Amino acid sequence: MNIFLFEYAVSSGDKEINDNIFEEGYLMYKTLLNDFINNNHTVYTIISENNYNKIVNNLKNVNLNISNIDNLKITILKNNENYNLKIEELLKNNKNINCGLIIAPECDNILYNLTKTLEKYNILNLGCFSEGIKIAGDKYLTYLKIKNVVNTPKTIKPNNYIVKDICGCGGEHEIINNNKIIQEYIKGENYSFSFIVSNTNNKIYPLCLNKQYINKCYCGGETNINHNLKEKIIIQCKKALKEINGLNGYVGVDIIITENNEIYILEINPRITTSVVGINTTPSLGSLLIDNIVNDNNKNNKNNKNNKNKNNDLKYTINKGIKFRRNNGSFEFF
């Protein structure tokens, strides 16, 4: 396959991205790039000029000799260029690109708009479709979809609010604008569950439960852990995922488990999450993403006689996970 791989921190040239976000983005990018290349796929990718040397030098240290790899096609985004236009140019001029994977934040509709570009050029999307991102990428719209089927924190519609101390004085207050939500605080332990979703087959494949280390921001985690509530977590996550049309490929669900063993679904991430750096599957995760969308596409092709009555379910094994923590801007693995 010829795959277009775009990771926002690595590829967009956005100079406002902080080091923590860049490190997470690069780890996800490196993980999937290695996966695709090592499974003999050709990868077309964009790397911003200001990140190029750093990225290339790092990739050389992970057994990817870029100068000699024929199936890695890098386009450099110059500092004065717009990444959206560069993507349009790349997809328009490379008709042999079969599929694409976008790794990007939901904020400002970045992930949604980039996904729409893939759809515009009829590129097979290894990730979620724009229909699913529109809902799952919005915390309030997600709440409306899942609040009647699973436990989820009560959430107040975005609007302009003033927050004051109950016994405050001197007019002290904080203004909450309509770009934010107000959500009930649920005390408990933070987890996530990684899935592969087949939009066409309406199948949801559980990969693994992951522990999250949260200290004001994401600080790392441990993948493929055991928990006495694991099967119940899967059931609750599936209920929530089925409420949102257009989810596809890798999807992460953020969860809190209270001290009373109550399961709360916090968010549905319609994209690759940092947990992928510690998920080890057989076949590889990248191969599963490709099989997931190719099987779906073949199933919809009525002229493909070879797929008649064929079981297209994904078959995979989840191997031992790993633990990783943020340390001085980078991650340590254990």
Protein backbone atom coordinates (compact mmCIF):
# COMPACT_ATOMS: atom_id res chain seq x y z
CA MET A 1 0.00 0.00 0.00
CA ASN A 2 1.01 3.62 -0.56
CA ILE A 3 0.14 5.48 2.63
CA PHE A 4 -0.04 9.20 3.34
CA LEU A 5 0.97 9.76 6.98
CA PHE A 6 0.49 13.21 8.55
CA GLU A 7 1.16 14.04 12.19
CA TYR A 8 0.32 17.61 13.14
CA ALA A 9 3.21 18.37 15.51
CA VAL A 10 5.78 16.93 13.12
CA SER A 11 4.27 18.10 9.85
CA SER A 12 2.35 21.37 10.23
CA GLY A 13 5.12 23.81 11.15
CA ASP A 14 3.00 25.21 13.99
CA LYS A 15 5.54 27.03 16.16
CA GLU A 16 3.16 27.31 19.11
CA ILE A 17 3.30 23.57 19.84
CA ASN A 18 5.02 23.05 23.19
CA ASP A 19 7.72 20.44 23.79
CA ASN A 20 5.40 18.05 25.65
CA ILE A 21 2.88 17.93 22.80
CA PHE A 22 5.64 17.63 20.21
CA GLU A 23 7.18 14.66 22.02
CA GLU A 24 3.83 12.84 22.14
CA GLY A 25 3.18 13.58 18.47
CA TYR A 26 6.63 12.45 17.40
CA LEU A 27 6.35 9.20 19.36
CA MET A 28 3.04 8.33 17.68
CA TYR A 29 4.44 9.33 14.28
CA LYS A 30 7.64 7.28 14.72
CA THR A 31 5.72 4.24 15.95
CA LEU A 32 3.40 4.10 12.94
CA LEU A 33 6.05 5.13 10.42
CA ASN A 34 8.28 2.26 11.57
CA ASP A 35 5.32 -0.09 11.46
CA PHE A 36 4.31 0.78 7.90
CA ILE A 37 7.88 0.84 6.55
CA ASN A 38 8.87 -2.41 8.23
CA ASN A 39 5.83 -4.10 6.66
CA ASN A 40 6.94 -3.03 3.18
CA HIS A 41 4.43 -0.24 2.62
CA THR A 42 5.45 3.01 0.93
CA VAL A 43 4.88 6.06 3.11
CA TYR A 44 4.38 9.59 1.81
CA THR A 45 4.83 12.11 4.59
CA ILE A 46 5.35 15.80 5.26
CA ILE A 47 7.95 17.11 7.72
CA SER A 48 8.16 20.81 8.50
CA GLU A 49 11.45 22.55 7.75
CA ASN A 50 12.02 23.55 11.36
CA ASN A 51 11.63 19.91 12.50
CA TYR A 52 13.38 18.17 9.61
CA ASN A 53 16.90 17.73 11.00
CA LYS A 54 15.65 16.69 14.41
CA ILE A 55 13.21 14.16 12.98
CA VAL A 56 15.61 12.69 10.45
CA ASN A 57 18.43 12.31 12.97
CA ASN A 58 16.09 10.60 15.43
CA LEU A 59 14.74 8.24 12.79
CA LYS A 60 18.27 7.19 11.83
CA ASN A 61 18.70 6.03 15.41
CA VAL A 62 15.74 3.65 15.18
CA ASN A 63 17.00 1.55 12.27
CA LEU A 64 15.47 3.70 9.56
CA ASN A 65 18.27 4.87 7.30
CA ILE A 66 16.26 7.54 5.53
CA SER A 67 18.78 8.26 2.79
CA ASN A 68 18.57 4.66 1.56
CA ILE A 69 14.90 3.85 2.02
CA ASP A 70 13.11 3.86 -1.30
CA ASN A 71 9.65 3.44 0.20
CA LEU A 72 9.79 6.58 2.37
CA LYS A 73 8.86 9.73 0.46
CA ILE A 74 9.40 12.93 2.46
CA THR A 75 8.04 16.31 1.42
CA ILE A 76 9.54 19.25 3.31
CA LEU A 77 7.14 22.00 4.36
CA LYS A 78 9.03 25.28 4.16
CA ASN A 79 8.53 27.83 6.91
CA ASN A 80 6.55 30.17 4.65
CA GLU A 81 4.21 27.44 3.32
CA ASN A 82 0.70 26.50 4.42
CA TYR A 83 0.40 22.83 5.43
CA ASN A 84 -3.18 22.55 4.11
CA LEU A 85 -2.11 23.67 0.66
CA LYS A 86 0.90 21.35 0.80
CA ILE A 87 -1.33 18.38 1.56
CA GLU A 88 -3.66 19.30 -1.30
CA GLU A 89 -0.67 19.51 -3.65
CA LEU A 90 0.75 16.18 -2.50
CA LEU A 91 -2.52 14.28 -2.80
CA LYS A 92 -3.40 15.87 -6.12
CA ASN A 93 -0.03 15.06 -7.70
CA ASN A 94 0.38 11.52 -6.35
CA LYS A 95 -2.44 9.43 -7.75
CA ASN A 96 -0.78 6.24 -6.48
CA ILE A 97 -1.50 7.05 -2.81
CA ASN A 98 -4.05 4.44 -1.72
CA CYS A 99 -4.81 5.40 1.86
CA GLY A 100 -4.05 7.95 4.54
CA LEU A 101 -3.78 8.35 8.29
CA ILE A 102 -4.12 11.72 10.01
CA ILE A 103 -2.83 12.24 13.56
CA ALA A 104 -3.98 15.65 14.74
CA PRO A 105 -5.82 17.44 17.55
CA GLU A 106 -9.57 17.96 17.45
CA CYS A 107 -9.26 21.62 18.52
CA ASP A 108 -10.16 24.31 15.96
CA ASN A 109 -11.54 21.48 13.75
CA ILE A 110 -7.98 20.60 12.68
CA LEU A 111 -8.55 16.83 12.61
CA TYR A 112 -11.99 17.26 11.04
CA ASN A 113 -10.74 19.51 8.22
CA LEU A 114 -7.71 17.34 7.44
CA THR A 115 -9.96 14.30 7.28
CA LYS A 116 -12.30 16.13 4.90
CA THR A 117 -9.29 16.64 2.63
CA LEU A 118 -8.64 12.89 2.53
CA GLU A 119 -12.29 12.32 1.70
CA LYS A 120 -12.18 14.99 -1.00
CA TYR A 121 -9.50 13.00 -2.85
CA ASN A 122 -11.21 9.63 -2.21
CA ILE A 123 -8.25 8.38 -0.19
CA LEU A 124 -9.05 5.30 1.92
CA ASN A 125 -9.00 6.64 5.46
CA LEU A 126 -7.32 4.40 8.04
CA GLY A 127 -8.76 6.59 10.79
CA CYS A 128 -12.17 7.95 11.74
CA PHE A 129 -14.39 9.57 9.15
CA SER A 130 -15.34 13.24 9.33
CA GLU A 131 -18.88 12.31 10.38
CA GLY A 132 -17.56 10.62 13.51
CA ILE A 133 -14.94 13.28 14.25
CA LYS A 134 -17.58 16.01 14.15
CA ILE A 135 -19.32 14.40 17.14
CA ALA A 136 -16.51 12.68 19.06
CA GLY A 137 -14.24 15.69 18.57
CA ASP A 138 -16.72 17.87 20.47
CA LYS A 139 -17.01 17.02 24.18
CA TYR A 140 -20.52 18.39 24.51
CA LEU A 141 -21.88 16.66 21.41
CA THR A 142 -20.30 13.44 22.67
CA TYR A 143 -22.03 13.93 26.01
CA LEU A 144 -25.41 14.34 24.30
CA LYS A 145 -24.87 11.13 22.34
CA ILE A 146 -23.81 8.88 25.21
CA LYS A 147 -25.44 10.34 28.34
CA ASN A 148 -28.47 8.04 28.18
CA VAL A 149 -26.56 4.79 27.64
CA VAL A 150 -23.50 4.97 29.95
CA ASN A 151 -22.28 6.74 33.06
CA THR A 152 -20.63 9.98 32.02
CA PRO A 153 -19.98 13.21 33.95
CA LYS A 154 -22.84 15.70 33.84
CA THR A 155 -21.87 18.38 31.37
CA ILE A 156 -23.21 21.92 30.91
CA LYS A 157 -23.65 23.35 27.43
CA PRO A 158 -20.95 25.78 26.28
CA ASN A 159 -21.96 29.37 27.05
CA ASN A 160 -20.67 32.43 28.86
CA TYR A 161 -20.61 31.83 32.62
CA ILE A 162 -19.24 33.66 35.64
CA VAL A 163 -17.71 31.52 38.38
CA LYS A 164 -17.53 33.07 41.87
CA ASP A 165 -16.56 31.88 45.34
CA ILE A 166 -19.67 31.23 47.44
CA CYS A 167 -18.47 33.69 50.08
CA GLY A 168 -16.42 35.85 47.71
CA CYS A 169 -16.09 39.60 47.98
CA GLY A 170 -14.73 42.51 45.99
CA GLY A 171 -16.41 41.32 42.79
CA GLU A 172 -13.79 38.61 42.20
CA HIS A 173 -14.86 36.15 39.54
CA GLU A 174 -13.74 34.12 36.57
CA ILE A 175 -15.42 34.21 33.17
CA ILE A 176 -15.89 30.89 31.38
CA ASN A 177 -16.43 31.48 27.66
CA ASN A 178 -18.36 29.42 25.16
CA ASN A 179 -15.25 27.56 24.00
CA LYS A 180 -15.29 25.58 27.24
CA ILE A 181 -17.64 23.20 29.00
CA ILE A 182 -18.38 22.82 32.68
CA GLN A 183 -18.24 19.20 33.73
CA GLU A 184 -18.94 17.29 36.91
CA TYR A 185 -15.75 16.19 38.68
CA ILE A 186 -15.53 12.42 39.13
CA LYS A 187 -12.89 11.23 41.57
CA GLY A 188 -11.19 8.00 40.66
CA GLU A 189 -8.41 6.26 38.73
CA ASN A 190 -7.71 7.21 35.10
CA TYR A 191 -7.71 4.56 32.39
CA SER A 192 -8.21 4.31 28.67
CA PHE A 193 -9.27 1.50 26.37
CA SER A 194 -7.96 1.14 22.82
CA PHE A 195 -10.22 -0.22 20.10
CA ILE A 196 -10.26 -0.77 16.38
CA VAL A 197 -13.67 0.07 14.94
CA SER A 198 -15.00 -1.13 11.61
CA ASN A 199 -17.47 1.47 10.39
CA THR A 200 -18.87 -0.69 7.58
CA ASN A 201 -19.01 -4.02 9.42
CA ASN A 202 -20.31 -2.40 12.61
CA LYS A 203 -17.66 -4.38 14.46
CA ILE A 204 -15.73 -3.15 17.49
CA TYR A 205 -12.48 -4.94 18.25
CA PRO A 206 -11.08 -4.41 21.77
CA LEU A 207 -7.31 -4.11 21.88
CA CYS A 208 -6.25 -3.35 25.44
CA LEU A 209 -6.89 -1.52 28.70
CA ASN A 210 -4.32 1.11 29.61
CA LYS A 211 -3.47 2.90 32.86
CA GLN A 212 -3.07 6.66 32.51
CA TYR A 213 -0.74 8.82 34.58
CA ILE A 214 -2.36 12.25 34.88
CA ASN A 215 -0.85 15.21 36.71
CA LYS A 216 -2.55 18.29 35.25
CA CYS A 217 -1.69 16.78 31.86
CA TYR A 218 -0.96 13.36 30.37
CA CYS A 219 2.32 12.07 31.86
CA GLY A 220 2.44 8.55 30.46
CA GLY A 221 0.84 5.21 31.07
CA GLU A 222 0.98 1.44 31.08
CA THR A 223 -0.55 -0.54 28.23
CA ASN A 224 -2.41 -3.84 28.16
CA ILE A 225 -3.04 -4.14 31.88
CA ASN A 226 -5.37 -6.48 33.73
CA HIS A 227 -8.32 -5.31 35.82
CA ASN A 228 -11.18 -7.16 37.48
CA LEU A 229 -13.64 -4.84 35.69
CA LYS A 230 -12.09 -5.24 32.24
CA GLU A 231 -15.00 -7.09 30.63
CA LYS A 232 -17.52 -4.64 32.07
CA ILE A 233 -15.38 -1.75 30.79
CA ILE A 234 -15.47 -3.22 27.29
CA ILE A 235 -19.26 -3.55 27.43
CA GLN A 236 -19.71 0.06 28.55
CA CYS A 237 -17.25 1.41 25.98
CA LYS A 238 -18.97 -0.48 23.18
CA LYS A 239 -22.33 0.99 24.20
CA ALA A 240 -20.87 4.49 23.88
CA LEU A 241 -19.03 3.82 20.62
CA LYS A 242 -22.17 2.45 18.96
CA GLU A 243 -23.93 5.78 19.54
CA ILE A 244 -21.58 7.69 17.20
CA ASN A 245 -21.65 7.08 13.46
CA GLY A 246 -18.44 7.43 11.46
CA LEU A 247 -15.98 6.05 13.99
CA ASN A 248 -13.38 3.92 12.24
CA GLY A 249 -9.90 2.56 12.76
CA TYR A 250 -8.15 3.25 16.04
CA VAL A 251 -10.34 4.87 18.70
CA GLY A 252 -9.38 5.55 22.32
CA VAL A 253 -11.91 5.80 25.13
CA ASP A 254 -10.96 7.66 28.33
CA ILE A 255 -12.40 6.17 31.51
CA ILE A 256 -12.51 6.81 35.24
CA ILE A 257 -13.10 4.02 37.74
CA THR A 258 -14.27 5.24 41.14
CA GLU A 259 -13.38 3.70 44.49
CA ASN A 260 -16.87 2.10 44.40
CA ASN A 261 -15.99 0.40 41.08
CA GLU A 262 -18.29 2.64 39.04
CA ILE A 263 -17.23 3.04 35.43
CA TYR A 264 -17.50 6.50 33.86
CA ILE A 265 -16.86 7.19 30.17
CA LEU A 266 -15.12 10.57 29.95
CA GLU A 267 -14.20 11.06 26.31
CA ILE A 268 -14.08 9.27 22.99
CA ASN A 269 -10.92 10.10 21.01
CA PRO A 270 -11.56 9.64 17.27
CA ARG A 271 -7.84 9.42 16.50
CA ILE A 272 -4.55 7.78 17.32
CA THR A 273 -3.65 8.30 20.99
CA THR A 274 -0.28 8.20 22.73
CA SER A 275 -1.05 4.71 24.06
CA VAL A 276 -0.12 3.28 20.62
CA VAL A 277 3.57 3.67 21.46
CA GLY A 278 3.15 0.85 23.98
CA ILE A 279 0.64 -1.39 22.17
CA ASN A 280 2.20 -4.51 20.68
CA THR A 281 -0.02 -6.65 18.48
CA THR A 282 0.41 -9.57 16.10
CA PRO A 283 -0.06 -8.69 13.28
CA SER A 284 1.20 -5.15 13.90
CA LEU A 285 -1.19 -2.30 14.67
CA GLY A 286 -0.51 -0.65 11.31
CA SER A 287 -1.33 -3.91 9.53
CA LEU A 288 -4.59 -4.18 11.46
CA LEU A 289 -5.57 -0.64 10.48
CA ILE A 290 -4.94 -1.45 6.82
CA ASP A 291 -6.76 -4.80 6.99
CA ASN A 292 -9.69 -3.10 8.72
CA ILE A 293 -10.29 -0.55 5.96
CA VAL A 294 -9.31 -2.80 3.03
CA ASN A 295 -11.66 -5.56 4.21
CA ASP A 296 -14.47 -3.02 4.55
CA ASN A 297 -13.77 -1.60 1.11
CA ASN A 298 -13.69 -5.05 -0.49
CA LYS A 299 -16.94 -6.00 1.24
CA ASN A 300 -18.64 -3.00 -0.32
CA ASN A 301 -17.30 -3.88 -3.77
CA LYS A 302 -20.13 -5.96 -5.25
CA ASN A 303 -17.90 -6.93 -8.18
CA ASN A 304 -15.33 -8.59 -5.91
CA LYS A 305 -16.40 -12.23 -6.18
CA ASN A 306 -13.50 -13.41 -4.02
CA ASN A 307 -15.11 -11.80 -0.98
CA LYS A 308 -18.49 -13.50 -1.25
CA ASN A 309 -19.41 -15.02 2.14
CA LYS A 310 -15.86 -14.38 3.31
CA ASN A 311 -15.31 -13.73 7.02
CA ASN A 312 -13.49 -10.41 7.15
CA ASP A 313 -13.17 -10.22 10.94
CA LEU A 314 -9.80 -9.04 12.19
CA LYS A 315 -7.72 -11.74 13.83
CA TYR A 316 -4.99 -10.60 16.20
CA THR A 317 -3.11 -11.23 19.41
CA ILE A 318 -2.28 -8.59 22.01
CA ASN A 319 1.23 -9.01 23.37
CA LYS A 320 2.75 -7.79 26.62
CA GLY A 321 2.42 -4.05 27.14
CA ILE A 322 4.95 -1.55 28.42
CA LYS A 323 5.11 1.31 30.89
CA PHE A 324 6.29 4.80 29.98
CA ARG A 325 6.53 8.09 31.85
CA ARG A 326 7.29 11.67 30.93
CA ASN A 327 10.71 12.81 32.15
CA ASN A 328 12.03 16.31 31.43
CA GLY A 329 10.08 16.76 28.23
CA SER A 330 10.70 13.27 26.85
CA PHE A 331 9.47 9.78 27.76
CA GLU A 332 11.24 6.96 29.54
CA PHE A 333 10.19 3.38 28.78
CA PHE A 334 10.22 0.53 31.29
